């Protein structure tokens, strides 16, 4: 009589046992040049060169076929929310933010931390064509300033950020979303990438004028480097999952793989269960099997109420 583990393996891949093979290498080399660093420079030309180089490499990453863009945007949204909460004096670890998003029970009121995560996920997940700097700034109850038509993208974003924080100092997330929307629109990106949200430091929030502009330059360099590092990591992990996906035979496996490639984390009993999907126990076993294959990680560290992600 076959063991439970053998039956589970055959339910996912009936003809062969799937090894935890090494990750296929993505075709794109997503690394930031070592000379492009978020350091303070006395020369504006050095800043401009570093900024242009960093954004060029980041745009290459955003256009790479190997990078799961929906997943990248969702993960960066969580990172930006975590940073914003720390800036506001309410630090929450990423694990807590994931729990608040995925395990809110019906009738329970969402806390301020979940609202910040929701703001960033909504902003990052929607195309720029359906949102504007004004709609983002509305969360901070401020009017956007009139900017110099000849100003560069970072200068405009710095002006937007400073005006929003001056009018509503506690609405840090809304101010940073508005600035990042302005930045993404100027660079011609289809979606917001929270380079300021993850790159700006707490001490920069009180800057003004030229000091704010310089802080935003450094933040864009820092945020672009962090975003590219995350994109490179997710490209490798997604390549491993895609290599295994055609051999998965469980009911709803294809849809489950697509969800893993679009969301930062999944609660199997909630995200994978439903009409045309899996049963609750089957969903948990499916995720545990993907962990055994080395293509998905268990993120919570718990034995119950688990969360899984690429």
Protein backbone atom coordinates (compact mmCIF):
# COMPACT_ATOMS: atom_id res chain seq x y z
CA UNK A 1 0.00 0.00 0.00
CA UNK A 2 1.37 3.40 -1.00
CA UNK A 3 2.32 5.88 1.67
CA UNK A 4 0.57 9.22 1.98
CA UNK A 5 3.62 11.07 0.65
CA UNK A 6 3.77 8.83 -2.43
CA UNK A 7 0.07 9.35 -3.11
CA UNK A 8 0.50 13.10 -2.74
CA UNK A 9 3.46 13.14 -5.13
CA UNK A 10 1.55 11.14 -7.73
CA UNK A 11 -1.52 13.36 -7.38
CA UNK A 12 0.64 16.31 -8.38
CA UNK A 13 2.84 14.53 -10.92
CA UNK A 14 1.53 10.99 -11.57
CA UNK A 15 4.33 9.74 -13.82
CA UNK A 16 7.50 10.99 -12.22
CA UNK A 17 8.80 12.26 -8.99
CA UNK A 18 9.81 15.89 -9.24
CA UNK A 19 13.30 16.64 -7.90
CA UNK A 20 14.16 19.89 -6.21
CA UNK A 21 16.31 20.83 -9.19
CA UNK A 22 18.62 23.85 -9.28
CA UNK A 23 16.92 27.04 -10.34
CA UNK A 24 17.10 27.76 -14.09
CA UNK A 25 19.11 30.91 -14.68
CA UNK A 26 17.08 33.89 -15.94
CA UNK A 27 18.30 35.22 -19.26
CA UNK A 28 18.73 38.77 -17.97
CA UNK A 29 21.54 39.90 -15.68
CA UNK A 30 19.70 42.27 -13.35
CA UNK A 31 22.47 43.88 -11.36
CA UNK A 32 23.18 47.50 -10.55
CA UNK A 33 26.63 48.75 -11.64
CA UNK A 34 28.95 48.97 -8.64
CA UNK A 35 29.74 52.62 -9.36
CA UNK A 36 26.05 53.56 -9.12
CA UNK A 37 25.58 54.09 -5.38
CA UNK A 38 23.28 56.36 -3.33
CA UNK A 39 26.14 58.42 -1.92
CA UNK A 40 26.17 62.16 -1.40
CA UNK A 41 28.07 63.97 -4.13
CA UNK A 42 29.18 67.56 -4.31
CA UNK A 43 28.75 67.59 -8.07
CA UNK A 44 25.33 67.75 -9.71
CA UNK A 45 26.70 65.96 -12.79
CA UNK A 46 27.72 62.97 -10.67
CA UNK A 47 24.23 62.80 -9.19
CA UNK A 48 22.61 63.05 -12.61
CA UNK A 49 24.86 60.33 -14.04
CA UNK A 50 24.22 57.92 -11.16
CA UNK A 51 20.49 58.59 -11.29
CA UNK A 52 20.26 58.05 -15.05
CA UNK A 53 22.30 54.85 -14.87
CA UNK A 54 20.25 53.45 -11.99
CA UNK A 55 16.95 54.17 -13.72
CA UNK A 56 18.19 52.70 -17.01
CA UNK A 57 19.07 49.43 -15.30
CA UNK A 58 15.79 49.42 -13.38
CA UNK A 59 13.82 49.96 -16.59
CA UNK A 60 15.68 47.03 -18.11
CA UNK A 61 14.52 44.94 -15.17
CA UNK A 62 10.91 46.12 -15.53
CA UNK A 63 10.97 45.10 -19.19
CA UNK A 64 12.59 41.69 -18.62
CA UNK A 65 10.37 38.76 -19.52
CA UNK A 66 11.73 36.67 -16.66
CA UNK A 67 10.56 39.10 -13.98
CA UNK A 68 7.03 38.43 -12.62
CA UNK A 69 5.95 42.07 -12.58
CA UNK A 70 2.65 41.68 -10.65
CA UNK A 71 4.51 39.79 -7.92
CA UNK A 72 7.32 42.36 -7.90
CA UNK A 73 4.85 45.23 -7.52
CA UNK A 74 2.98 43.45 -4.72
CA UNK A 75 6.14 42.64 -2.78
CA UNK A 76 7.52 46.16 -3.14
CA UNK A 77 4.16 47.52 -1.95
CA UNK A 78 4.54 45.54 1.28
CA UNK A 79 8.12 46.80 1.64
CA UNK A 80 6.97 50.41 1.15
CA UNK A 81 4.18 49.98 3.68
CA UNK A 82 6.60 48.54 6.23
CA UNK A 83 8.93 51.51 5.70
CA UNK A 84 6.10 54.06 6.00
CA UNK A 85 4.88 52.59 9.26
CA UNK A 86 8.40 52.73 10.67
CA UNK A 87 8.76 56.36 9.55
CA UNK A 88 5.53 57.20 11.37
CA UNK A 89 6.72 55.66 14.63
CA UNK A 90 4.50 52.56 14.33
CA UNK A 91 6.91 49.87 13.15
CA UNK A 92 5.39 46.54 12.24
CA UNK A 93 7.33 43.53 10.94
CA UNK A 94 6.48 42.24 7.49
CA UNK A 95 5.09 39.02 8.98
CA UNK A 96 2.48 40.99 10.96
CA UNK A 97 1.46 42.99 7.89
CA UNK A 98 0.94 39.80 5.91
CA UNK A 99 -1.21 38.36 8.69
CA UNK A 100 -3.38 41.49 8.82
CA UNK A 101 -3.95 41.39 5.08
CA UNK A 102 -4.62 37.68 4.68
CA UNK A 103 -6.36 36.70 7.92
CA UNK A 104 -8.79 39.54 8.60
CA UNK A 105 -12.03 37.84 9.62
CA UNK A 106 -15.45 38.99 8.41
CA UNK A 107 -16.74 41.76 10.64
CA UNK A 108 -13.33 42.66 12.03
CA UNK A 109 -12.20 46.24 11.56
CA UNK A 110 -8.96 46.76 9.67
CA UNK A 111 -6.26 48.55 11.63
CA UNK A 112 -4.17 51.47 10.40
CA UNK A 113 -1.34 49.15 9.35
CA UNK A 114 -3.61 47.22 6.99
CA UNK A 115 -4.87 50.51 5.56
CA UNK A 116 -1.31 51.56 4.73
CA UNK A 117 -0.61 48.21 3.06
CA UNK A 118 -3.86 48.50 1.13
CA UNK A 119 -2.98 51.99 -0.08
CA UNK A 120 0.37 50.86 -1.48
CA UNK A 121 -0.97 47.62 -3.00
CA UNK A 122 -3.79 49.49 -4.73
CA UNK A 123 -1.44 52.18 -6.03
CA UNK A 124 1.15 49.69 -7.28
CA UNK A 125 -1.39 47.29 -8.76
CA UNK A 126 -3.35 49.78 -10.86
CA UNK A 127 -2.09 51.17 -14.18
CA UNK A 128 -1.15 54.82 -14.06
CA UNK A 129 -3.87 55.56 -16.61
CA UNK A 130 -6.54 55.14 -13.91
CA UNK A 131 -4.82 57.07 -11.13
CA UNK A 132 -3.16 60.44 -10.81
CA UNK A 133 -0.97 62.26 -8.34
CA UNK A 134 -4.10 64.13 -7.28
CA UNK A 135 -6.04 60.98 -6.45
CA UNK A 136 -3.11 59.74 -4.38
CA UNK A 137 -2.68 63.07 -2.62
CA UNK A 138 -6.38 63.18 -1.82
CA UNK A 139 -5.64 60.60 0.87
CA UNK A 140 -3.49 63.22 2.55
CA UNK A 141 -6.15 65.90 2.02
CA UNK A 142 -3.74 68.24 0.22
CA UNK A 143 -3.72 70.10 -3.07
CA UNK A 144 -0.78 69.45 -5.34
CA UNK A 145 1.53 72.43 -5.90
CA UNK A 146 2.09 74.03 -9.27
CA UNK A 147 5.50 72.78 -10.39
CA UNK A 148 8.02 74.30 -12.77
CA UNK A 149 7.39 72.90 -16.29
CA UNK A 150 11.13 72.75 -16.82
CA UNK A 151 11.87 70.81 -13.65
CA UNK A 152 13.13 67.25 -13.84
CA UNK A 153 11.12 64.21 -12.64
CA UNK A 154 12.89 63.96 -9.29
CA UNK A 155 12.55 67.70 -8.64
CA UNK A 156 8.80 67.51 -9.36
CA UNK A 157 8.43 64.47 -7.09
CA UNK A 158 10.34 66.27 -4.33
CA UNK A 159 8.04 69.29 -4.65
CA UNK A 160 4.94 67.08 -4.47
CA UNK A 161 6.31 65.21 -1.46
CA UNK A 162 7.29 68.34 0.44
CA UNK A 163 3.91 70.01 -0.16
CA UNK A 164 1.99 66.92 0.96
CA UNK A 165 4.07 66.45 4.11
CA UNK A 166 3.84 70.15 4.99
CA UNK A 167 0.04 70.07 4.76
CA UNK A 168 -0.40 66.71 6.51
CA UNK A 169 2.79 65.54 8.25
CA UNK A 170 1.20 62.34 9.54
CA UNK A 171 -0.05 61.16 6.14
CA UNK A 172 3.34 59.80 5.14
CA UNK A 173 2.10 56.93 2.97
CA UNK A 174 -0.29 59.08 0.92
CA UNK A 175 2.41 61.70 0.37
CA UNK A 176 4.94 59.12 -0.80
CA UNK A 177 2.39 57.45 -3.08
CA UNK A 178 1.65 60.81 -4.71
CA UNK A 179 5.38 61.46 -5.21
CA UNK A 180 5.99 57.99 -6.64
CA UNK A 181 3.03 58.35 -9.02
CA UNK A 182 4.52 61.63 -10.23
CA UNK A 183 7.90 59.98 -10.70
CA UNK A 184 6.54 56.94 -12.55
CA UNK A 185 4.45 59.08 -14.88
CA UNK A 186 7.45 61.26 -15.74
CA UNK A 187 9.55 58.19 -16.56
CA UNK A 188 6.81 56.71 -18.72
CA UNK A 189 6.25 53.59 -16.61
CA UNK A 190 2.91 51.79 -16.88
CA UNK A 191 2.68 51.26 -13.11
CA UNK A 192 3.99 52.91 -9.98
CA UNK A 193 7.24 51.50 -8.64
CA UNK A 194 7.69 52.65 -5.02
CA UNK A 195 11.32 53.72 -5.32
CA UNK A 196 10.74 56.68 -3.01
CA UNK A 197 8.51 54.62 -0.73
CA UNK A 198 11.27 52.10 -0.06
CA UNK A 199 14.26 54.37 -0.57
CA UNK A 200 13.49 57.48 1.47
CA UNK A 201 14.80 57.50 5.04
CA UNK A 202 12.96 58.82 8.08
CA UNK A 203 15.25 61.82 8.56
CA UNK A 204 14.54 62.91 4.97
CA UNK A 205 10.86 63.56 5.70
CA UNK A 206 11.63 66.86 7.45
CA UNK A 207 13.83 68.19 4.64
CA UNK A 208 12.80 71.09 2.44
CA UNK A 209 13.89 72.90 -0.69
CA UNK A 210 17.20 71.81 -2.17
CA UNK A 211 17.78 69.48 0.77
CA UNK A 212 14.56 67.60 -0.09
CA UNK A 213 15.59 67.41 -3.73
CA UNK A 214 18.95 65.91 -2.81
CA UNK A 215 17.25 63.50 -0.41
CA UNK A 216 14.91 62.34 -3.18
CA UNK A 217 17.85 61.84 -5.54
CA UNK A 218 19.50 59.57 -2.99
CA UNK A 219 16.19 57.82 -2.29
CA UNK A 220 15.60 57.08 -5.97
CA UNK A 221 19.09 55.59 -6.27
CA UNK A 222 18.59 53.56 -3.11
CA UNK A 223 15.06 52.48 -4.01
CA UNK A 224 16.00 51.54 -7.58
CA UNK A 225 18.84 49.38 -6.27
CA UNK A 226 16.53 47.66 -3.78
CA UNK A 227 13.81 47.14 -6.39
CA UNK A 228 16.30 45.68 -8.86
CA UNK A 229 17.67 43.32 -6.23
CA UNK A 230 14.15 42.13 -5.47
CA UNK A 231 13.38 41.76 -9.19
CA UNK A 232 16.50 39.65 -9.71
CA UNK A 233 15.64 37.40 -6.78
CA UNK A 234 12.04 36.94 -7.91
CA UNK A 235 13.16 36.20 -11.49
CA UNK A 236 15.25 33.29 -10.23
CA UNK A 237 12.49 31.97 -7.99
CA UNK A 238 9.83 32.37 -10.68
CA UNK A 239 12.01 30.49 -13.17
CA UNK A 240 12.14 27.55 -10.79
CA UNK A 241 8.37 27.57 -10.30
CA UNK A 242 7.68 27.88 -14.05
CA UNK A 243 9.98 24.92 -14.75
CA UNK A 244 7.95 22.71 -12.43
CA UNK A 245 4.49 24.05 -13.35
CA UNK A 246 3.87 21.99 -16.54
CA UNK A 247 4.32 18.77 -14.57
CA UNK A 248 1.85 19.62 -11.80
CA UNK A 249 -1.34 17.60 -12.13
CA UNK A 250 -3.38 18.66 -9.12
CA UNK A 251 -6.76 20.20 -9.80
CA UNK A 252 -6.41 23.97 -10.09
CA UNK A 253 -2.60 23.77 -10.17
CA UNK A 254 -2.28 26.12 -13.14
CA UNK A 255 -4.40 28.82 -11.52
CA UNK A 256 -2.50 28.38 -8.24
CA UNK A 257 0.83 28.90 -9.98
CA UNK A 258 -0.46 32.10 -11.59
CA UNK A 259 -1.54 33.37 -8.18
CA UNK A 260 1.89 32.64 -6.74
CA UNK A 261 3.41 34.66 -9.59
CA UNK A 262 1.13 37.62 -8.84
CA UNK A 263 0.90 37.90 -5.05
CA UNK A 264 3.41 38.39 -2.29
CA UNK A 265 1.83 35.66 -0.15
CA UNK A 266 -1.11 33.25 -0.18
CA UNK A 267 -3.16 31.59 2.53
CA UNK A 268 -4.01 28.27 0.80
CA UNK A 269 -7.30 27.74 2.63
CA UNK A 270 -8.51 31.14 1.39
CA UNK A 271 -6.78 31.90 -1.90
CA UNK A 272 -6.77 28.44 -3.50
CA UNK A 273 -10.15 27.12 -2.32
CA UNK A 274 -13.31 27.78 -4.27
CA UNK A 275 -15.37 26.76 -7.30
CA UNK A 276 -13.07 25.09 -9.80
CA UNK A 277 -10.24 25.18 -7.31
CA UNK A 278 -9.00 22.89 -4.56
CA UNK A 279 -10.44 21.60 -1.36
CA UNK A 280 -8.98 23.04 1.83
CA UNK A 281 -6.82 20.03 2.72
CA UNK A 282 -5.71 19.57 -0.88
CA UNK A 283 -4.65 23.22 -1.06
CA UNK A 284 -2.49 22.90 2.04
CA UNK A 285 -0.90 19.69 0.79
CA UNK A 286 -0.28 21.25 -2.60
CA UNK A 287 1.57 24.16 -1.00
CA UNK A 288 3.57 21.88 1.29
CA UNK A 289 4.57 19.83 -1.75
CA UNK A 290 5.76 22.96 -3.57
CA UNK A 291 7.85 23.79 -0.50
CA UNK A 292 9.36 20.29 -0.62
CA UNK A 293 10.20 20.84 -4.28
CA UNK A 294 11.99 24.07 -3.41
CA UNK A 295 9.83 26.33 -5.58
CA UNK A 296 7.72 28.02 -2.86
CA UNK A 297 8.54 29.12 0.69
CA UNK A 298 6.50 28.94 3.88
CA UNK A 299 6.63 32.50 5.18
CA UNK A 300 4.99 32.44 8.61
CA UNK A 301 7.08 29.86 10.46
CA UNK A 302 3.90 28.44 12.00
CA UNK A 303 2.40 24.98 11.95
CA UNK A 304 -1.10 26.38 11.43
CA UNK A 305 -2.51 29.42 9.59
CA UNK A 306 0.42 29.27 7.21
CA UNK A 307 1.32 31.66 4.42
CA UNK A 308 3.22 30.67 1.29
CA UNK A 309 5.02 32.73 -1.33
CA UNK A 310 7.62 32.57 -4.07
